[in-house]
Amino acid sequence: MKGHIQNRLIAAFLSVAALPLAGVGLYSIHSSTEALRELGLSSAKEQARLKARKIEEMLRDIRGDLLFLARSPMLFSLLDELGRDRTQADFWRQKLGQQFLALAQNKPAYAALIYLDGNGQEVVHAEHDGLRAWLIPDERLLNRATRDDFRAAAVLHAGEVHVSPADRPEAETREPVVRCAVSVV
């Protein structure tokens, strides 16, 4: 009987001691979970801020590149010769194409650089796949007059840049694309 009472007393003391320990344990788990959640949210917010800053910098760079190309002496020489001297227009179109290729090779984020005339017809089209850049031959140049980004660019004032929402191109293997446009005149 003495052993039986002793076992009951030990069980009672353990129960009394275990309740505060369980409470402290549950509080610790709750506090740790909450702290980890806050840390995770804080980290995610910081990553989002960094990505937003990177996107803003990239858009600033794109705007600068577009305005540079829109003011290119080669482009203005091409515009002067279009409709006047086919040989000279072809010469300046090739020069502008070389300028597009150089930019595409140095800015791998640019999948394509395209100059459209006032009717939406491609005049110069350079593409880049991340490794190499090339000009699209004349017979494959498209008319893009019905595209939303052409219509948006057609109403821009000097110095304004149109940025389209991101969309996935026809080839599903490619990354989403953002189209940017600037008015030349």
Protein backbone atom coordinates (compact mmCIF):
# COMPACT_ATOMS: atom_id res chain seq x y z
CA MET A 1 0.00 0.00 0.00
CA LYS A 2 2.84 2.30 0.86
CA GLY A 3 4.31 1.77 -2.65
CA HIS A 4 0.92 2.36 -4.17
CA ILE A 5 0.50 5.74 -2.42
CA GLN A 6 4.04 6.65 -3.31
CA ASN A 7 3.32 5.92 -7.01
CA ARG A 8 0.16 8.02 -6.85
CA LEU A 9 2.03 10.92 -5.28
CA ILE A 10 4.73 10.73 -7.94
CA ALA A 11 2.07 10.63 -10.67
CA ALA A 12 0.33 13.64 -9.10
CA PHE A 13 3.58 15.63 -8.86
CA LEU A 14 4.46 14.75 -12.46
CA SER A 15 1.00 15.85 -13.59
CA VAL A 16 1.31 19.14 -11.72
CA ALA A 17 4.79 19.69 -13.16
CA ALA A 18 3.78 18.58 -16.68
CA LEU A 19 0.92 21.08 -17.05
CA PRO A 20 3.14 24.18 -16.89
CA LEU A 21 5.74 22.47 -19.09
CA ALA A 22 3.06 21.63 -21.66
CA GLY A 23 1.83 25.22 -21.54
CA VAL A 24 5.34 26.58 -21.99
CA GLY A 25 5.92 24.10 -24.83
CA LEU A 26 2.72 25.06 -26.62
CA TYR A 27 3.49 28.75 -26.15
CA SER A 28 7.02 28.17 -27.52
CA ILE A 29 5.67 26.32 -30.55
CA HIS A 30 3.13 29.09 -31.19
CA SER A 31 5.73 31.84 -30.74
CA SER A 32 8.25 30.05 -32.98
CA THR A 33 5.64 29.43 -35.66
CA GLU A 34 4.55 33.06 -35.57
CA ALA A 35 8.17 34.30 -35.69
CA LEU A 36 8.95 32.02 -38.64
CA ARG A 37 5.81 33.18 -40.44
CA GLU A 38 6.78 36.83 -39.91
CA LEU A 39 10.33 36.09 -41.07
CA GLY A 40 9.01 34.34 -44.18
CA LEU A 41 6.65 37.23 -44.99
CA SER A 42 9.41 39.76 -44.44
CA SER A 43 11.74 37.81 -46.71
CA ALA A 44 9.07 37.47 -49.42
CA LYS A 45 8.32 41.21 -49.25
CA GLU A 46 12.01 42.05 -49.60
CA GLN A 47 12.38 39.70 -52.57
CA ALA A 48 9.33 41.30 -54.20
CA ARG A 49 10.79 44.77 -53.62
CA LEU A 50 14.12 43.70 -55.15
CA LYS A 51 12.38 42.18 -58.19
CA ALA A 52 10.23 45.30 -58.63
CA ARG A 53 13.34 47.48 -58.48
CA LYS A 54 15.07 45.25 -61.06
CA ILE A 55 12.04 45.46 -63.38
CA GLU A 56 11.94 49.26 -63.01
CA GLU A 57 15.65 49.47 -63.88
CA MET A 58 15.15 47.21 -66.89
CA LEU A 59 12.22 49.32 -68.13
CA ARG A 60 14.33 52.46 -67.73
CA ASP A 61 17.08 50.82 -69.80
CA ILE A 62 14.56 49.73 -72.44
CA ARG A 63 13.15 53.26 -72.61
CA GLY A 64 16.65 54.64 -73.10
CA ASP A 65 17.44 52.10 -75.81
CA LEU A 66 14.17 52.78 -77.62
CA LEU A 67 14.66 56.54 -77.53
CA PHE A 68 18.25 56.07 -78.75
CA LEU A 69 17.04 53.96 -81.69
CA ALA A 70 14.17 56.36 -82.44
CA ARG A 71 16.72 59.18 -82.76
CA SER A 72 19.27 57.15 -84.69
CA PRO A 73 20.87 58.98 -87.63
CA MET A 74 20.67 55.68 -89.56
CA LEU A 75 16.91 55.58 -89.04
CA PHE A 76 16.51 59.18 -90.17
CA SER A 77 18.69 58.51 -93.22
CA LEU A 78 16.47 55.51 -94.04
CA LEU A 79 13.33 57.62 -93.62
CA ASP A 80 14.78 60.29 -95.93
CA GLU A 81 15.48 57.72 -98.66
CA LEU A 82 12.28 55.66 -98.46
CA GLY A 83 10.20 56.38 -101.57
CA ARG A 84 13.08 58.30 -103.20
CA ASP A 85 16.09 56.11 -103.84
CA ARG A 86 15.61 52.34 -103.40
CA THR A 87 19.36 51.63 -103.44
CA GLN A 88 20.08 54.19 -100.73
CA ALA A 89 17.05 53.09 -98.70
CA ASP A 90 18.32 49.47 -98.82
CA PHE A 91 21.78 50.67 -97.76
CA TRP A 92 20.38 52.51 -94.72
CA ARG A 93 18.00 49.66 -93.93
CA GLN A 94 21.00 47.30 -93.74
CA LYS A 95 22.89 49.80 -91.55
CA LEU A 96 19.90 50.08 -89.21
CA GLY A 97 19.65 46.29 -89.18
CA GLN A 98 23.32 46.08 -88.13
CA GLN A 99 22.61 48.54 -85.33
CA PHE A 100 19.64 46.39 -84.21
CA LEU A 101 21.85 43.27 -84.30
CA ALA A 102 24.56 44.94 -82.20
CA LEU A 103 22.02 46.00 -79.60
CA ALA A 104 20.33 42.56 -79.56
CA GLN A 105 23.66 40.81 -79.07
CA ASN A 106 24.53 43.05 -76.14
CA LYS A 107 21.08 42.92 -74.55
CA PRO A 108 20.06 39.24 -74.49
CA ALA A 109 16.72 40.11 -72.88
CA TYR A 110 15.64 41.52 -76.26
CA ALA A 111 14.14 38.65 -78.26
CA ALA A 112 13.44 40.97 -81.19
CA LEU A 113 13.96 44.55 -82.33
CA ILE A 114 11.58 45.65 -85.07
CA TYR A 115 11.11 48.92 -86.95
CA LEU A 116 7.57 49.29 -88.37
CA ASP A 117 6.60 51.95 -90.86
CA GLY A 118 3.49 54.10 -90.41
CA ASN A 119 1.34 51.37 -91.98
CA GLY A 120 2.52 48.65 -89.57
CA GLN A 121 4.80 46.98 -92.12
CA GLU A 122 8.08 45.62 -90.76
CA VAL A 123 11.01 47.39 -92.40
CA VAL A 124 13.81 46.01 -90.22
CA HIS A 125 13.43 42.97 -87.95
CA ALA A 126 16.29 41.55 -85.88
CA GLU A 127 15.80 38.49 -83.68
CA HIS A 128 17.93 37.07 -80.89
CA ASP A 129 17.66 33.61 -79.31
CA GLY A 130 20.07 34.19 -76.43
CA LEU A 131 23.03 32.86 -78.38
CA ARG A 132 22.94 34.50 -81.79
CA ALA A 133 21.18 37.34 -83.56
CA TRP A 134 19.99 37.55 -87.16
CA LEU A 135 17.97 39.74 -89.51
CA ILE A 136 14.67 38.47 -90.91
CA PRO A 137 14.82 38.39 -94.73
CA ASP A 138 12.60 40.83 -96.67
CA GLU A 139 10.24 38.10 -97.89
CA ARG A 140 9.40 37.14 -94.29
CA LEU A 141 8.72 40.66 -92.98
CA LEU A 142 5.17 40.94 -91.64
CA ASN A 143 2.51 43.59 -91.47
CA ARG A 144 1.53 44.20 -87.86
CA ALA A 145 -1.04 46.94 -88.39
CA THR A 146 -3.76 44.93 -86.63
CA ARG A 147 -1.72 44.27 -83.49
CA ASP A 148 -2.67 46.11 -80.30
CA ASP A 149 0.91 47.22 -79.61
CA PHE A 150 1.18 48.85 -83.07
CA ARG A 151 -2.08 50.72 -82.54
CA ALA A 152 -0.91 51.84 -79.08
CA ALA A 153 2.43 53.06 -80.47
CA ALA A 154 0.75 54.88 -83.36
CA VAL A 155 -0.85 57.39 -80.97
CA LEU A 156 2.22 58.04 -78.82
CA HIS A 157 3.77 61.48 -78.58
CA ALA A 158 7.52 62.04 -78.84
CA GLY A 159 9.36 60.55 -75.88
CA GLU A 160 6.45 58.35 -74.74
CA VAL A 161 6.94 54.60 -74.49
CA HIS A 162 4.19 51.97 -74.69
CA VAL A 163 4.71 48.86 -72.53
CA SER A 164 2.35 45.94 -73.14
CA PRO A 165 1.19 43.50 -70.49
CA ALA A 166 3.27 40.32 -70.38
CA ASP A 167 1.93 37.53 -72.55
CA ARG A 168 3.16 34.17 -73.77
CA PRO A 169 4.19 34.08 -77.43
CA GLU A 170 2.86 31.49 -79.86
CA ALA A 171 5.81 29.17 -79.16
CA GLU A 172 4.89 27.88 -75.70
CA THR A 173 8.51 27.03 -74.91
CA ARG A 174 9.49 30.70 -74.71
CA GLU A 175 9.31 32.97 -71.70
CA PRO A 176 6.51 35.53 -71.41
CA VAL A 177 7.09 38.61 -73.55
CA VAL A 178 6.61 42.31 -72.86
CA ARG A 179 6.44 44.47 -75.97
CA CYS A 180 7.68 48.03 -75.82
CA ALA A 181 7.18 50.64 -78.52
CA VAL A 182 8.08 54.24 -79.17
CA SER A 183 6.92 56.62 -81.89
CA VAL A 184 9.67 57.71 -84.25
CA VAL A 185 8.02 60.94 -85.35
